[in-house]
Amino acid sequence: MTLGVILAIGESLTDLEEKGQVARMVDYNIKNYAQSFDEVFVFSYANETWSLPKNCHLIPNKFNIPRIIYSFTMPFINWRQFVKCDTIRAFQITGGLT
């Protein structure tokens, strides 16, 4: 099974690092998801790269689209990854907009 992880609007792993929360997201959430799912897509609002577990893929905002617009266009821009997802995990209520 494949999991899609949608961060809250405007969030990225870089943003979470600045807030002191990236270890919690990666070590507690993403690494646990990696053990439970065959593949994990993490959708970020920034154009960034991170080292994640082997079966996890960071999907960046390659075009630096403003966060509100990107929240609605993300599934269309990244449709190849979204159609593979069996389950979606959205963070905060704003992650559900996508």
PDB file of N, CA and C in Angstrom:
ATOM      1  N   MET A   1       0.841  -1.189   0.000  1.00  0.00           N
ATOM      2  CA  MET A   1       0.000   0.000   0.000  1.00  0.00           C
ATOM      3  C   MET A   1       0.878   1.241   0.000  1.00  0.00           C
ATOM      4  N   THR A   2       0.322   2.306  -0.542  1.00  0.00           N
ATOM      5  CA  THR A   2       1.048   3.570  -0.654  1.00  0.00           C
ATOM      6  C   THR A   2       0.321   4.658   0.127  1.00  0.00           C
ATOM      7  N   LEU A   3       1.100   5.445   0.868  1.00  0.00           N
ATOM      8  CA  LEU A   3       0.577   6.542   1.678  1.00  0.00           C
ATOM      9  C   LEU A   3       1.029   7.872   1.107  1.00  0.00           C
ATOM     10  N   GLY A   4       0.125   8.830   1.055  1.00  0.00           N
ATOM     11  CA  GLY A   4       0.461  10.212   0.725  1.00  0.00           C
ATOM     12  C   GLY A   4       0.364  11.052   1.977  1.00  0.00           C
ATOM     13  N   VAL A   5       1.407  11.798   2.290  1.00  0.00           N
ATOM     14  CA  VAL A   5       1.439  12.665   3.473  1.00  0.00           C
ATOM     15  C   VAL A   5       1.382  14.110   2.996  1.00  0.00           C
ATOM     16  N   ILE A   6       0.327  14.812   3.373  1.00  0.00           N
ATOM     17  CA  ILE A   6       0.163  16.215   2.990  1.00  0.00           C
ATOM     18  C   ILE A   6       0.378  17.066   4.232  1.00  0.00           C
ATOM     19  N   LEU A   7       1.388  17.898   4.170  1.00  0.00           N
ATOM     20  CA  LEU A   7       1.669  18.794   5.295  1.00  0.00           C
ATOM     21  C   LEU A   7       0.631  19.914   5.333  1.00  0.00           C
ATOM     22  N   ALA A   8       0.562  20.620   6.441  1.00  0.00           N
ATOM     23  CA  ALA A   8      -0.353  21.759   6.557  1.00  0.00           C
ATOM     24  C   ALA A   8       0.036  22.817   5.533  1.00  0.00           C
ATOM     25  N   ILE A   9      -0.931  23.646   5.157  1.00  0.00           N
ATOM     26  CA  ILE A   9      -0.681  24.656   4.115  1.00  0.00           C
ATOM     27  C   ILE A   9       0.558  25.479   4.463  1.00  0.00           C
ATOM     28  N   GLY A  10       1.463  25.544   3.493  1.00  0.00           N
ATOM     29  CA  GLY A  10       2.674  26.338   3.631  1.00  0.00           C
ATOM     30  C   GLY A  10       3.826  25.627   4.311  1.00  0.00           C
ATOM     31  N   GLU A  11       3.600  24.455   4.869  1.00  0.00           N
ATOM     32  CA  GLU A  11       4.668  23.770   5.590  1.00  0.00           C
ATOM     33  C   GLU A  11       5.585  22.986   4.671  1.00  0.00           C
ATOM     34  N   SER A  12       6.792  22.869   5.139  1.00  0.00           N
ATOM     35  CA  SER A  12       7.811  22.067   4.466  1.00  0.00           C
ATOM     36  C   SER A  12       8.699  21.487   5.557  1.00  0.00           C
ATOM     37  N   LEU A  13       9.531  20.552   5.185  1.00  0.00           N
ATOM     38  CA  LEU A  13      10.457  20.004   6.182  1.00  0.00           C
ATOM     39  C   LEU A  13      11.453  21.077   6.622  1.00  0.00           C
ATOM     40  N   THR A  14      11.830  21.960   5.706  1.00  0.00           N
ATOM     41  CA  THR A  14      12.717  23.075   6.066  1.00  0.00           C
ATOM     42  C   THR A  14      12.041  23.981   7.085  1.00  0.00           C
ATOM     43  N   ASP A  15      10.779  24.286   6.863  1.00  0.00           N
ATOM     44  CA  ASP A  15      10.008  25.112   7.790  1.00  0.00           C
ATOM     45  C   ASP A  15       9.905  24.435   9.154  1.00  0.00           C
ATOM     46  N   LEU A  16       9.645  23.127   9.136  1.00  0.00           N
ATOM     47  CA  LEU A  16       9.548  22.388  10.394  1.00  0.00           C
ATOM     48  C   LEU A  16      10.893  22.360  11.123  1.00  0.00           C
ATOM     49  N   GLU A  17      11.991  22.314  10.368  1.00  0.00           N
ATOM     50  CA  GLU A  17      13.314  22.350  10.987  1.00  0.00           C
ATOM     51  C   GLU A  17      13.536  23.678  11.701  1.00  0.00           C
ATOM     52  N   GLU A  18      13.129  24.768  11.062  1.00  0.00           N
ATOM     53  CA  GLU A  18      13.281  26.097  11.668  1.00  0.00           C
ATOM     54  C   GLU A  18      12.465  26.226  12.945  1.00  0.00           C
ATOM     55  N   LYS A  19      11.352  25.511  13.014  1.00  0.00           N
ATOM     56  CA  LYS A  19      10.483  25.548  14.194  1.00  0.00           C
ATOM     57  C   LYS A  19      10.867  24.494  15.231  1.00  0.00           C
ATOM     58  N   GLY A  20      11.890  23.691  14.928  1.00  0.00           N
ATOM     59  CA  GLY A  20      12.318  22.645  15.853  1.00  0.00           C
ATOM     60  C   GLY A  20      11.425  21.418  15.845  1.00  0.00           C
ATOM     61  N   GLN A  21      10.674  21.216  14.766  1.00  0.00           N
ATOM     62  CA  GLN A  21       9.720  20.117  14.707  1.00  0.00           C
ATOM     63  C   GLN A  21      10.066  19.033  13.681  1.00  0.00           C
ATOM     64  N   VAL A  22      11.141  19.220  12.912  1.00  0.00           N
ATOM     65  CA  VAL A  22      11.424  18.266  11.833  1.00  0.00           C
ATOM     66  C   VAL A  22      11.764  16.878  12.366  1.00  0.00           C
ATOM     67  N   ALA A  23      12.473  16.789  13.474  1.00  0.00           N
ATOM     68  CA  ALA A  23      12.815  15.476  14.033  1.00  0.00           C
ATOM     69  C   ALA A  23      11.545  14.729  14.420  1.00  0.00           C
ATOM     70  N   ARG A  24      10.602  15.443  14.969  1.00  0.00           N
ATOM     71  CA  ARG A  24       9.328  14.807  15.332  1.00  0.00           C
ATOM     72  C   ARG A  24       8.613  14.292  14.088  1.00  0.00           C
ATOM     73  N   MET A  25       8.589  15.096  13.036  1.00  0.00           N
ATOM     74  CA  MET A  25       7.902  14.679  11.811  1.00  0.00           C
ATOM     75  C   MET A  25       8.606  13.493  11.156  1.00  0.00           C
ATOM     76  N   VAL A  26       9.915  13.579  11.018  1.00  0.00           N
ATOM     77  CA  VAL A  26      10.647  12.521  10.313  1.00  0.00           C
ATOM     78  C   VAL A  26      10.800  11.283  11.189  1.00  0.00           C
ATOM     79  N   ASP A  27      11.298  11.449  12.402  1.00  0.00           N
ATOM     80  CA  ASP A  27      11.589  10.288  13.251  1.00  0.00           C
ATOM     81  C   ASP A  27      10.332   9.600  13.782  1.00  0.00           C
ATOM     82  N   TYR A  28       9.348  10.374  14.153  1.00  0.00           N
ATOM     83  CA  TYR A  28       8.148   9.777  14.730  1.00  0.00           C
ATOM     84  C   TYR A  28       7.115   9.386  13.667  1.00  0.00           C
ATOM     85  N   ASN A  29       6.852  10.295  12.730  1.00  0.00           N
ATOM     86  CA  ASN A  29       5.805  10.023  11.747  1.00  0.00           C
ATOM     87  C   ASN A  29       6.320   9.295  10.513  1.00  0.00           C
ATOM     88  N   ILE A  30       7.188   9.927   9.758  1.00  0.00           N
ATOM     89  CA  ILE A  30       7.579   9.383   8.451  1.00  0.00           C
ATOM     90  C   ILE A  30       8.286   8.035   8.582  1.00  0.00           C
ATOM     91  N   LYS A  31       9.187   7.886   9.532  1.00  0.00           N
ATOM     92  CA  LYS A  31       9.870   6.595   9.692  1.00  0.00           C
ATOM     93  C   LYS A  31       8.897   5.492  10.081  1.00  0.00           C
ATOM     94  N   ASN A  32       7.912   5.810  10.902  1.00  0.00           N
ATOM     95  CA  ASN A  32       6.897   4.810  11.249  1.00  0.00           C
ATOM     96  C   ASN A  32       6.021   4.479  10.054  1.00  0.00           C
ATOM     97  N   TYR A  33       5.674   5.484   9.268  1.00  0.00           N
ATOM     98  CA  TYR A  33       4.892   5.230   8.052  1.00  0.00           C
ATOM     99  C   TYR A  33       5.688   4.349   7.091  1.00  0.00           C
ATOM    100  N   ALA A  34       6.986   4.587   6.997  1.00  0.00           N
ATOM    101  CA  ALA A  34       7.851   3.822   6.093  1.00  0.00           C
ATOM    102  C   ALA A  34       7.865   2.341   6.458  1.00  0.00           C
ATOM    103  N   GLN A  35       7.686   2.038   7.741  1.00  0.00           N
ATOM    104  CA  GLN A  35       7.653   0.642   8.177  1.00  0.00           C
ATOM    105  C   GLN A  35       6.300  -0.011   7.887  1.00  0.00           C
ATOM    106  N   SER A  36       5.254   0.801   7.818  1.00  0.00           N
ATOM    107  CA  SER A  36       3.906   0.259   7.648  1.00  0.00           C
ATOM    108  C   SER A  36       3.415   0.252   6.195  1.00  0.00           C
ATOM    109  N   PHE A  37       4.036   1.057   5.344  1.00  0.00           N
ATOM    110  CA  PHE A  37       3.598   1.174   3.955  1.00  0.00           C
ATOM    111  C   PHE A  37       4.735   0.805   3.013  1.00  0.00           C
ATOM    112  N   ASP A  38       4.367   0.315   1.833  1.00  0.00           N
ATOM    113  CA  ASP A  38       5.369  -0.033   0.830  1.00  0.00           C
ATOM    114  C   ASP A  38       6.062   1.204   0.290  1.00  0.00           C
ATOM    115  N   GLU A  39       5.297   2.288   0.163  1.00  0.00           N
ATOM    116  CA  GLU A  39       5.830   3.523  -0.397  1.00  0.00           C
ATOM    117  C   GLU A  39       5.125   4.697   0.274  1.00  0.00           C
ATOM    118  N   VAL A  40       5.874   5.784   0.505  1.00  0.00           N
ATOM    119  CA  VAL A  40       5.327   6.975   1.149  1.00  0.00           C
ATOM    120  C   VAL A  40       5.734   8.189   0.326  1.00  0.00           C
ATOM    121  N   PHE A  41       4.745   9.014  -0.036  1.00  0.00           N
ATOM    122  CA  PHE A  41       5.001  10.282  -0.712  1.00  0.00           C
ATOM    123  C   PHE A  41       4.732  11.401   0.283  1.00  0.00           C
ATOM    124  N   VAL A  42       5.715  12.282   0.482  1.00  0.00           N
ATOM    125  CA  VAL A  42       5.568  13.419   1.384  1.00  0.00           C
ATOM    126  C   VAL A  42       5.498  14.666   0.509  1.00  0.00           C
ATOM    127  N   PHE A  43       4.342  15.336   0.501  1.00  0.00           N
ATOM    128  CA  PHE A  43       4.115  16.507  -0.335  1.00  0.00           C
ATOM    129  C   PHE A  43       4.473  17.766   0.437  1.00  0.00           C
ATOM    130  N   SER A  44       5.452  18.509  -0.077  1.00  0.00           N
ATOM    131  CA  SER A  44       5.974  19.699   0.581  1.00  0.00           C
ATOM    132  C   SER A  44       5.553  20.954  -0.170  1.00  0.00           C
ATOM    133  N   TYR A  45       5.446  22.051   0.560  1.00  0.00           N
ATOM    134  CA  TYR A  45       5.116  23.341  -0.048  1.00  0.00           C
ATOM    135  C   TYR A  45       6.357  24.119  -0.464  1.00  0.00           C
ATOM    136  N   ALA A  46       7.541  23.569  -0.249  1.00  0.00           N
ATOM    137  CA  ALA A  46       8.789  24.237  -0.635  1.00  0.00           C
ATOM    138  C   ALA A  46       9.517  23.401  -1.684  1.00  0.00           C
ATOM    139  N   ASN A  47      10.370  24.048  -2.423  1.00  0.00           N
ATOM    140  CA  ASN A  47      11.226  23.352  -3.383  1.00  0.00           C
ATOM    141  C   ASN A  47      12.479  22.958  -2.603  1.00  0.00           C
ATOM    142  N   GLU A  48      12.472  21.760  -2.058  1.00  0.00           N
ATOM    143  CA  GLU A  48      13.521  21.318  -1.149  1.00  0.00           C
ATOM    144  C   GLU A  48      13.874  19.862  -1.389  1.00  0.00           C
ATOM    145  N   THR A  49      14.992  19.448  -0.819  1.00  0.00           N
ATOM    146  CA  THR A  49      15.387  18.041  -0.842  1.00  0.00           C
ATOM    147  C   THR A  49      15.745  17.642   0.586  1.00  0.00           C
ATOM    148  N   TRP A  50      15.432  16.380   0.939  1.00  0.00           N
ATOM    149  CA  TRP A  50      15.736  15.840   2.258  1.00  0.00           C
ATOM    150  C   TRP A  50      16.072  14.376   2.119  1.00  0.00           C
ATOM    151  N   SER A  51      16.869  13.895   3.034  1.00  0.00           N
ATOM    152  CA  SER A  51      17.160  12.474   3.097  1.00  0.00           C
ATOM    153  C   SER A  51      16.078  11.810   3.944  1.00  0.00           C
ATOM    154  N   LEU A  52      15.324  10.921   3.320  1.00  0.00           N
ATOM    155  CA  LEU A  52      14.247  10.212   4.001  1.00  0.00           C
ATOM    156  C   LEU A  52      14.493   8.716   3.875  1.00  0.00           C
ATOM    157  N   PRO A  53      13.753   7.899   4.622  1.00  0.00           N
ATOM    158  CA  PRO A  53      13.913   6.454   4.484  1.00  0.00           C
ATOM    159  C   PRO A  53      13.770   6.012   3.024  1.00  0.00           C
ATOM    160  N   LYS A  54      14.337   4.871   2.721  1.00  0.00           N
ATOM    161  CA  LYS A  54      14.459   4.377   1.350  1.00  0.00           C
ATOM    162  C   LYS A  54      13.149   4.373   0.562  1.00  0.00           C
ATOM    163  N   ASN A  55      12.061   4.019   1.168  1.00  0.00           N
ATOM    164  CA  ASN A  55      10.799   3.925   0.446  1.00  0.00           C
ATOM    165  C   ASN A  55       9.945   5.196   0.540  1.00  0.00           C
ATOM    166  N   CYS A  56      10.548   6.285   0.997  1.00  0.00           N
ATOM    167  CA  CYS A  56       9.851   7.568   1.112  1.00  0.00           C
ATOM    168  C   CYS A  56      10.382   8.541   0.066  1.00  0.00           C
ATOM    169  N   HIS A  57       9.460   9.296  -0.524  1.00  0.00           N
ATOM    170  CA  HIS A  57       9.821  10.236  -1.575  1.00  0.00           C
ATOM    171  C   HIS A  57       9.266  11.606  -1.222  1.00  0.00           C
ATOM    172  N   LEU A  58      10.138  12.600  -1.209  1.00  0.00           N
ATOM    173  CA  LEU A  58       9.701  13.966  -0.976  1.00  0.00           C
ATOM    174  C   LEU A  58       9.272  14.559  -2.309  1.00  0.00           C
ATOM    175  N   ILE A  59       8.059  15.075  -2.373  1.00  0.00           N
ATOM    176  CA  ILE A  59       7.525  15.693  -3.577  1.00  0.00           C
ATOM    177  C   ILE A  59       7.497  17.200  -3.321  1.00  0.00           C
ATOM    178  N   PRO A  60       8.469  17.937  -3.893  1.00  0.00           N
ATOM    179  CA  PRO A  60       8.577  19.365  -3.614  1.00  0.00           C
ATOM    180  C   PRO A  60       7.653  20.212  -4.495  1.00  0.00           C
ATOM    181  N   ASN A  61       7.512  21.451  -4.114  1.00  0.00           N
ATOM    182  CA  ASN A  61       6.807  22.456  -4.912  1.00  0.00           C
ATOM    183  C   ASN A  61       7.842  23.027  -5.887  1.00  0.00           C
ATOM    184  N   LYS A  62       8.099  22.323  -6.978  1.00  0.00           N
ATOM    185  CA  LYS A  62       9.176  22.659  -7.908  1.00  0.00           C
ATOM    186  C   LYS A  62       9.039  24.039  -8.536  1.00  0.00           C
ATOM    187  N   PHE A  63       7.819  24.533  -8.633  1.00  0.00           N
ATOM    188  CA  PHE A  63       7.586  25.798  -9.327  1.00  0.00           C
ATOM    189  C   PHE A  63       7.415  26.967  -8.359  1.00  0.00           C
ATOM    190  N   ASN A  64       7.595  26.723  -7.064  1.00  0.00           N
ATOM    191  CA  ASN A  64       7.446  27.761  -6.033  1.00  0.00           C
ATOM    192  C   ASN A  64       6.111  28.489  -6.146  1.00  0.00           C
ATOM    193  N   ILE A  65       5.057  27.724  -6.345  1.00  0.00           N
ATOM    194  CA  ILE A  65       3.712  28.281  -6.456  1.00  0.00           C
ATOM    195  C   ILE A  65       3.271  28.744  -5.064  1.00  0.00           C
ATOM    196  N   PRO A  66       2.631  29.913  -4.962  1.00  0.00           N
ATOM    197  CA  PRO A  66       2.157  30.378  -3.649  1.00  0.00           C
ATOM    198  C   PRO A  66       1.294  29.320  -2.959  1.00  0.00           C
ATOM    199  N   ARG A  67       1.417  29.261  -1.641  1.00  0.00           N
ATOM    200  CA  ARG A  67       0.858  28.154  -0.863  1.00  0.00           C
ATOM    201  C   ARG A  67      -0.635  27.926  -1.035  1.00  0.00           C
ATOM    202  N   ILE A  68      -1.450  28.964  -1.086  1.00  0.00           N
ATOM    203  CA  ILE A  68      -2.897  28.769  -1.219  1.00  0.00           C
ATOM    204  C   ILE A  68      -3.221  28.180  -2.586  1.00  0.00           C
ATOM    205  N   ILE A  69      -2.604  28.703  -3.614  1.00  0.00           N
ATOM    206  CA  ILE A  69      -2.831  28.181  -4.966  1.00  0.00           C
ATOM    207  C   ILE A  69      -2.306  26.748  -5.059  1.00  0.00           C
ATOM    208  N   TYR A  70      -1.126  26.508  -4.489  1.00  0.00           N
ATOM    209  CA  TYR A  70      -0.539  25.165  -4.549  1.00  0.00           C
ATOM    210  C   TYR A  70      -1.401  24.137  -3.816  1.00  0.00           C
ATOM    211  N   SER A  71      -2.051  24.546  -2.744  1.00  0.00           N
ATOM    212  CA  SER A  71      -2.878  23.588  -1.999  1.00  0.00           C
ATOM    213  C   SER A  71      -3.997  23.027  -2.876  1.00  0.00           C
ATOM    214  N   PHE A  72      -4.501  23.823  -3.812  1.00  0.00           N
ATOM    215  CA  PHE A  72      -5.569  23.359  -4.695  1.00  0.00           C
ATOM    216  C   PHE A  72      -5.041  22.712  -5.976  1.00  0.00           C
ATOM    217  N   THR A  73      -3.844  23.093  -6.396  1.00  0.00           N
ATOM    218  CA  THR A  73      -3.292  22.545  -7.646  1.00  0.00           C
ATOM    219  C   THR A  73      -2.368  21.352  -7.416  1.00  0.00           C
ATOM    220  N   MET A  74      -1.940  21.137  -6.174  1.00  0.00           N
ATOM    221  CA  MET A  74      -1.010  20.050  -5.850  1.00  0.00           C
ATOM    222  C   MET A  74      -1.452  18.693  -6.415  1.00  0.00           C
ATOM    223  N   PRO A  75      -2.721  18.295  -6.254  1.00  0.00           N
ATOM    224  CA  PRO A  75      -3.108  16.980  -6.778  1.00  0.00           C
ATOM    225  C   PRO A  75      -3.024  16.889  -8.305  1.00  0.00           C
ATOM    226  N   PHE A  76      -3.186  18.006  -8.981  1.00  0.00           N
ATOM    227  CA  PHE A  76      -3.125  18.006 -10.440  1.00  0.00           C
ATOM    228  C   PHE A  76      -1.681  18.036 -10.938  1.00  0.00           C
ATOM    229  N   ILE A  77      -0.859  18.846 -10.300  1.00  0.00           N
ATOM    230  CA  ILE A  77       0.553  18.945 -10.677  1.00  0.00           C
ATOM    231  C   ILE A  77       1.274  17.628 -10.406  1.00  0.00           C
ATOM    232  N   ASN A  78       0.931  16.998  -9.300  1.00  0.00           N
ATOM    233  CA  ASN A  78       1.580  15.742  -8.880  1.00  0.00           C
ATOM    234  C   ASN A  78       0.650  14.547  -9.055  1.00  0.00           C
ATOM    235  N   TRP A  79      -0.135  14.540 -10.097  1.00  0.00           N
ATOM    236  CA  TRP A  79      -1.150  13.502 -10.283  1.00  0.00           C
ATOM    237  C   TRP A  79      -0.560  12.105 -10.345  1.00  0.00           C
ATOM    238  N   ARG A  80       0.649  11.959 -10.872  1.00  0.00           N
ATOM    239  CA  ARG A  80       1.253  10.618 -10.955  1.00  0.00           C
ATOM    240  C   ARG A  80       1.448  10.010  -9.568  1.00  0.00           C
ATOM    241  N   GLN A  81       1.825  10.827  -8.613  1.00  0.00           N
ATOM    242  CA  GLN A  81       2.009  10.338  -7.244  1.00  0.00           C
ATOM    243  C   GLN A  81       0.661  10.158  -6.541  1.00  0.00           C
ATOM    244  N   PHE A  82      -0.261  11.105  -6.743  1.00  0.00           N
ATOM    245  CA  PHE A  82      -1.553  11.028  -6.069  1.00  0.00           C
ATOM    246  C   PHE A  82      -2.348   9.788  -6.471  1.00  0.00           C
ATOM    247  N   VAL A  83      -2.313   9.408  -7.737  1.00  0.00           N
ATOM    248  CA  VAL A  83      -3.096   8.237  -8.158  1.00  0.00           C
ATOM    249  C   VAL A  83      -2.534   6.940  -7.585  1.00  0.00           C
ATOM    250  N   LYS A  84      -1.282   6.945  -7.160  1.00  0.00           N
ATOM    251  CA  LYS A  84      -0.683   5.758  -6.548  1.00  0.00           C
ATOM    252  C   LYS A  84      -1.077   5.599  -5.082  1.00  0.00           C
ATOM    253  N   CYS A  85      -1.546   6.684  -4.455  1.00  0.00           N
ATOM    254  CA  CYS A  85      -1.832   6.669  -3.017  1.00  0.00           C
ATOM    255  C   CYS A  85      -3.114   5.907  -2.707  1.00  0.00           C
ATOM    256  N   ASP A  86      -2.990   4.941  -1.824  1.00  0.00           N
ATOM    257  CA  ASP A  86      -4.147   4.208  -1.324  1.00  0.00           C
ATOM    258  C   ASP A  86      -4.770   4.940  -0.139  1.00  0.00           C
ATOM    259  N   THR A  87      -3.940   5.667   0.586  1.00  0.00           N
ATOM    260  CA  THR A  87      -4.363   6.389   1.781  1.00  0.00           C
ATOM    261  C   THR A  87      -3.683   7.742   1.808  1.00  0.00           C
ATOM    262  N   ILE A  88      -4.406   8.754   2.290  1.00  0.00           N
ATOM    263  CA  ILE A  88      -3.853  10.105   2.438  1.00  0.00           C
ATOM    264  C   ILE A  88      -3.862  10.465   3.918  1.00  0.00           C
ATOM    265  N   ARG A  89      -2.740  11.001   4.394  1.00  0.00           N
ATOM    266  CA  ARG A  89      -2.637  11.501   5.778  1.00  0.00           C
ATOM    267  C   ARG A  89      -2.391  12.996   5.680  1.00  0.00           C
ATOM    268  N   ALA A  90      -3.363  13.808   6.066  1.00  0.00           N
ATOM    269  CA  ALA A  90      -3.234  15.264   6.014  1.00  0.00           C
ATOM    270  C   ALA A  90      -2.968  15.802   7.416  1.00  0.00           C
ATOM    271  N   PHE A  91      -2.045  16.733   7.520  1.00  0.00           N
ATOM    272  CA  PHE A  91      -1.715  17.348   8.802  1.00  0.00           C
ATOM    273  C   PHE A  91      -2.464  18.655   8.947  1.00  0.00           C
ATOM    274  N   GLN A  92      -3.020  18.854  10.110  1.00  0.00           N
ATOM    275  CA  GLN A  92      -3.840  20.015  10.442  1.00  0.00           C
ATOM    276  C   GLN A  92      -5.068  20.037   9.524  1.00  0.00           C
ATOM    277  N   ILE A  93      -5.997  20.829   9.838  1.00  0.00           N
ATOM    278  CA  ILE A  93      -7.211  20.903   9.023  1.00  0.00           C
ATOM    279  C   ILE A  93      -6.910  21.484   7.646  1.00  0.00           C
ATOM    280  N   THR A  94      -5.887  22.346   7.563  1.00  0.00           N
ATOM    281  CA  THR A  94      -5.569  22.961   6.278  1.00  0.00           C
ATOM    282  C   THR A  94      -4.986  21.950   5.297  1.00  0.00           C
ATOM    283  N   GLY A  95      -4.378  20.884   5.785  1.00  0.00           N
ATOM    284  CA  GLY A  95      -3.879  19.841   4.904  1.00  0.00           C
ATOM    285  C   GLY A  95      -4.998  19.106   4.178  1.00  0.00           C
ATOM    286  N   GLY A  96      -6.195  19.173   4.738  1.00  0.00           N
ATOM    287  CA  GLY A  96      -7.355  18.535   4.139  1.00  0.00           C
ATOM    288  C   GLY A  96      -7.916  19.275   2.946  1.00  0.00           C
ATOM    289  N   LEU A  97      -7.562  20.549   2.788  1.00  0.00           N
ATOM    290  CA  LEU A  97      -8.049  21.301   1.632  1.00  0.00           C
ATOM    291  C   LEU A  97      -7.576  20.683   0.318  1.00  0.00           C
ATOM    292  N   THR A  98      -6.339  20.207   0.313  1.00  0.00           N
ATOM    293  CA  THR A  98      -5.799  19.595  -0.886  1.00  0.00           C
ATOM    294  C   THR A  98      -6.579  18.354  -1.224  1.00  0.00           C
TER     295      THR A  98
END
